[in-house]
Each structure stands twice: as C-alpha cells, then as structure tokens.
Amino acid sequence: MARLGTPDADQYISSETLTVAVAARFNPATSHDATGTYQLDIDARPFLLDIGNGEVSVRAGEADRPGVSISTDSGSLIALINGTHTLADSLTEGFITIDGDPAATMALARAFDLAVTEPE
C-alpha cells in the first residue's frame, strides 16, 4: 500500500484488495530465491502466492505444501507493506505468524522488498 497510500481509520480494506497491494510490492529483480508456493492467510481468508520466472500470482485458496505459511490481519499487513512495522517487529509483537523454512521466509521478504529489521 506504499504505492497506494495508507487508508484512513474509517476505511475498510478487504483481504482481496490487500492481495492486489501484495502483488504490487513484488520485485522480480529480488525474487530469484523465492521461487515456490506460499500460503498467506489474511483475516483467516486463505490465499496462495506462486512465484516463479520473475512473476507472482495471487489467488484465493490453500496450498498443499507451501514453503512458508503466513497468517496476519489486514491492519498488520498494511503496516508491514507500508513499512510502519518491520517483519521482526510484526513477529515479536504477534501481529504476524510464520511457519516454515527461515531461508524461504527471508527470500520471500526480499521478493516483496519488506523491511526485515530497522536500518542501523
């Protein structure tokens, strides 16, 4: 949503709309290590992210064997996308849960240009 702006407090952003924002964050130049299928649950709604050949597709559904499973709510995902929270902050504060290979998690974060920790 960094490209779309931060919603006002009274605006509702659906999980489907957020998947568009997630896809917009995708950076093909940094995605080479992130090839695979990932599960992203937003407000308990399941979505699959398929990454390969420098492209991402996001669609509703559950992955059979995702490399990483991520669960969060809309507000926390917006904060992560906007850079208000880092991935480390989101995990520590319980705003997001991640299950899976740590190396795949880092590759996924790079593919979407997400701040993992605060710059030093």
C-alpha atoms as a PDB file:
ATOM      1  CA  MET A   1       0.000   0.000   0.000  1.00  0.00           C
ATOM      2  CA  ALA A   2       3.069   2.212  -0.007  1.00  0.00           C
ATOM      3  CA  ARG A   3       2.212   2.799  -3.651  1.00  0.00           C
ATOM      4  CA  LEU A   4      -1.476   3.269  -2.860  1.00  0.00           C
ATOM      5  CA  GLY A   5      -1.228   5.188   0.400  1.00  0.00           C
ATOM      6  CA  THR A   6      -2.332   4.419   3.922  1.00  0.00           C
ATOM      7  CA  PRO A   7      -6.094   4.036   4.370  1.00  0.00           C
ATOM      8  CA  ASP A   8      -7.992   6.309   6.718  1.00  0.00           C
ATOM      9  CA  ALA A   9      -9.121   4.797  10.013  1.00  0.00           C
ATOM     10  CA  ASP A  10     -12.733   4.608   8.808  1.00  0.00           C
ATOM     11  CA  GLN A  11     -11.889   2.865   5.520  1.00  0.00           C
ATOM     12  CA  TYR A  12     -12.370  -0.882   5.179  1.00  0.00           C
ATOM     13  CA  ILE A  13      -9.755  -2.700   3.116  1.00  0.00           C
ATOM     14  CA  SER A  14     -10.804  -6.227   2.149  1.00  0.00           C
ATOM     15  CA  SER A  15      -8.360  -9.112   2.122  1.00  0.00           C
ATOM     16  CA  GLU A  16      -8.913  -9.405  -1.639  1.00  0.00           C
ATOM     17  CA  THR A  17      -7.871  -5.777  -2.104  1.00  0.00           C
ATOM     18  CA  LEU A  18      -4.790  -6.401   0.004  1.00  0.00           C
ATOM     19  CA  THR A  19      -3.702  -9.211  -2.300  1.00  0.00           C
ATOM     20  CA  VAL A  20      -3.517  -6.621  -5.094  1.00  0.00           C
ATOM     21  CA  ALA A  21      -1.269  -4.486  -2.875  1.00  0.00           C
ATOM     22  CA  VAL A  22       0.877  -7.523  -2.064  1.00  0.00           C
ATOM     23  CA  ALA A  23       1.275  -8.333  -5.765  1.00  0.00           C
ATOM     24  CA  ALA A  24       2.139  -4.685  -6.479  1.00  0.00           C
ATOM     25  CA  ARG A  25       5.026  -4.916  -3.988  1.00  0.00           C
ATOM     26  CA  PHE A  26       6.586  -7.843  -5.853  1.00  0.00           C
ATOM     27  CA  ASN A  27      10.074  -7.115  -7.178  1.00  0.00           C
ATOM     28  CA  PRO A  28      11.149  -9.533  -9.931  1.00  0.00           C
ATOM     29  CA  ALA A  29      14.787  -8.435  -9.547  1.00  0.00           C
ATOM     30  CA  THR A  30      14.949  -9.715  -5.960  1.00  0.00           C
ATOM     31  CA  SER A  31      12.697 -12.764  -6.332  1.00  0.00           C
ATOM     32  CA  HIS A  32      15.079 -15.403  -7.721  1.00  0.00           C
ATOM     33  CA  ASP A  33      15.489 -17.196  -4.359  1.00  0.00           C
ATOM     34  CA  ALA A  34      11.758 -17.100  -3.618  1.00  0.00           C
ATOM     35  CA  THR A  35      10.539 -19.481  -6.318  1.00  0.00           C
ATOM     36  CA  GLY A  36       7.736 -21.634  -4.931  1.00  0.00           C
ATOM     37  CA  THR A  37       4.263 -21.653  -3.442  1.00  0.00           C
ATOM     38  CA  TYR A  38       3.367 -19.807  -0.255  1.00  0.00           C
ATOM     39  CA  GLN A  39       0.267 -19.614   1.910  1.00  0.00           C
ATOM     40  CA  LEU A  40      -0.942 -16.181   3.037  1.00  0.00           C
ATOM     41  CA  ASP A  41      -3.927 -16.050   5.383  1.00  0.00           C
ATOM     42  CA  ILE A  42      -5.365 -12.544   5.741  1.00  0.00           C
ATOM     43  CA  ASP A  43      -8.137 -12.208   8.328  1.00  0.00           C
ATOM     44  CA  ALA A  44      -8.426 -16.034   8.235  1.00  0.00           C
ATOM     45  CA  ARG A  45      -9.001 -15.997   4.430  1.00  0.00           C
ATOM     46  CA  PRO A  46      -6.518 -18.259   2.609  1.00  0.00           C
ATOM     47  CA  PHE A  47      -4.558 -17.090  -0.436  1.00  0.00           C
ATOM     48  CA  LEU A  48      -1.789 -18.743  -2.454  1.00  0.00           C
ATOM     49  CA  LEU A  49       1.239 -16.904  -3.735  1.00  0.00           C
ATOM     50  CA  ASP A  50       3.010 -18.632  -6.605  1.00  0.00           C
ATOM     51  CA  ILE A  51       6.408 -17.211  -7.517  1.00  0.00           C
ATOM     52  CA  GLY A  52       8.465 -18.280 -10.488  1.00  0.00           C
ATOM     53  CA  ASN A  53      10.292 -16.881 -13.500  1.00  0.00           C
ATOM     54  CA  GLY A  54      10.234 -13.373 -12.042  1.00  0.00           C
ATOM     55  CA  GLU A  55       6.437 -13.336 -11.726  1.00  0.00           C
ATOM     56  CA  VAL A  56       3.925 -13.650  -8.914  1.00  0.00           C
ATOM     57  CA  SER A  57       0.323 -14.773  -8.958  1.00  0.00           C
ATOM     58  CA  VAL A  58      -2.012 -14.426  -6.006  1.00  0.00           C
ATOM     59  CA  ARG A  59      -5.308 -16.245  -5.804  1.00  0.00           C
ATOM     60  CA  ALA A  60      -7.789 -17.466  -3.227  1.00  0.00           C
ATOM     61  CA  GLY A  61      -7.214 -20.978  -1.923  1.00  0.00           C
ATOM     62  CA  GLU A  62      -4.979 -23.162   0.181  1.00  0.00           C
ATOM     63  CA  ALA A  63      -1.575 -24.533  -0.773  1.00  0.00           C
ATOM     64  CA  ASP A  64      -0.941 -28.273  -0.465  1.00  0.00           C
ATOM     65  CA  ARG A  65       2.662 -27.927   0.722  1.00  0.00           C
ATOM     66  CA  PRO A  66       3.648 -24.266   0.987  1.00  0.00           C
ATOM     67  CA  GLY A  67       7.281 -23.309   1.526  1.00  0.00           C
ATOM     68  CA  VAL A  68       6.075 -20.815   4.127  1.00  0.00           C
ATOM     69  CA  SER A  69       2.677 -20.186   5.735  1.00  0.00           C
ATOM     70  CA  ILE A  70       1.908 -16.662   6.908  1.00  0.00           C
ATOM     71  CA  SER A  71      -1.079 -15.594   8.971  1.00  0.00           C
ATOM     72  CA  THR A  72      -1.989 -11.997   9.785  1.00  0.00           C
ATOM     73  CA  ASP A  73      -4.813  -9.493   9.851  1.00  0.00           C
ATOM     74  CA  SER A  74      -5.459  -6.690   7.361  1.00  0.00           C
ATOM     75  CA  GLY A  75      -4.194  -3.872   9.564  1.00  0.00           C
ATOM     76  CA  SER A  76      -0.932  -5.645  10.370  1.00  0.00           C
ATOM     77  CA  LEU A  77      -0.331  -6.486   6.724  1.00  0.00           C
ATOM     78  CA  ILE A  78      -0.881  -2.855   5.763  1.00  0.00           C
ATOM     79  CA  ALA A  79       1.632  -1.762   8.418  1.00  0.00           C
ATOM     80  CA  LEU A  80       4.174  -4.263   7.072  1.00  0.00           C
ATOM     81  CA  ILE A  81       3.625  -3.233   3.451  1.00  0.00           C
ATOM     82  CA  ASN A  82       3.824   0.482   4.306  1.00  0.00           C
ATOM     83  CA  GLY A  83       6.971  -0.002   6.368  1.00  0.00           C
ATOM     84  CA  THR A  84       5.302   1.142   9.594  1.00  0.00           C
ATOM     85  CA  HIS A  85       6.339  -2.214  11.083  1.00  0.00           C
ATOM     86  CA  THR A  86       9.314  -4.349  10.187  1.00  0.00           C
ATOM     87  CA  LEU A  87       8.960  -8.089   9.807  1.00  0.00           C
ATOM     88  CA  ALA A  88      10.893  -8.575  13.060  1.00  0.00           C
ATOM     89  CA  ASP A  89       8.583  -6.157  14.926  1.00  0.00           C
ATOM     90  CA  SER A  90       5.492  -7.824  13.493  1.00  0.00           C
ATOM     91  CA  LEU A  91       6.692 -11.247  14.617  1.00  0.00           C
ATOM     92  CA  THR A  92       7.802 -10.085  18.068  1.00  0.00           C
ATOM     93  CA  GLU A  93       4.539  -8.244  18.717  1.00  0.00           C
ATOM     94  CA  GLY A  94       2.448 -11.176  17.480  1.00  0.00           C
ATOM     95  CA  PHE A  95       0.907  -9.283  14.551  1.00  0.00           C
ATOM     96  CA  ILE A  96       2.023 -11.978  12.132  1.00  0.00           C
ATOM     97  CA  THR A  97       2.844 -15.670  12.468  1.00  0.00           C
ATOM     98  CA  ILE A  98       5.110 -17.531  10.091  1.00  0.00           C
ATOM     99  CA  ASP A  99       5.581 -21.265   9.816  1.00  0.00           C
ATOM    100  CA  GLY A 100       8.192 -22.729   7.515  1.00  0.00           C
ATOM    101  CA  ASP A 101      11.769 -22.527   6.361  1.00  0.00           C
ATOM    102  CA  PRO A 102      13.528 -19.385   7.690  1.00  0.00           C
ATOM    103  CA  ALA A 103      15.609 -19.085   4.492  1.00  0.00           C
ATOM    104  CA  ALA A 104      12.416 -19.192   2.393  1.00  0.00           C
ATOM    105  CA  THR A 105      10.884 -16.562   4.673  1.00  0.00           C
ATOM    106  CA  MET A 106      13.841 -14.236   4.088  1.00  0.00           C
ATOM    107  CA  ALA A 107      13.712 -14.872   0.329  1.00  0.00           C
ATOM    108  CA  LEU A 108      10.007 -14.022   0.369  1.00  0.00           C
ATOM    109  CA  ALA A 109      10.670 -10.795   2.300  1.00  0.00           C
ATOM    110  CA  ARG A 110      13.316  -9.799  -0.273  1.00  0.00           C
ATOM    111  CA  ALA A 111      10.950 -10.585  -3.157  1.00  0.00           C
ATOM    112  CA  PHE A 112       8.478  -8.054  -1.770  1.00  0.00           C
ATOM    113  CA  ASP A 113      11.067  -5.503  -0.570  1.00  0.00           C
ATOM    114  CA  LEU A 114       9.871  -5.791   3.029  1.00  0.00           C
ATOM    115  CA  ALA A 115      11.914  -4.288   5.829  1.00  0.00           C
ATOM    116  CA  VAL A 116      13.098  -7.186   7.971  1.00  0.00           C
ATOM    117  CA  THR A 117      14.686  -5.079  10.719  1.00  0.00           C
ATOM    118  CA  GLU A 118      15.270  -1.389  11.351  1.00  0.00           C
ATOM    119  CA  PRO A 119      18.213   0.037   9.415  1.00  0.00           C
ATOM    120  CA  GLU A 120      21.258   0.560  11.588  1.00  0.00           C
END
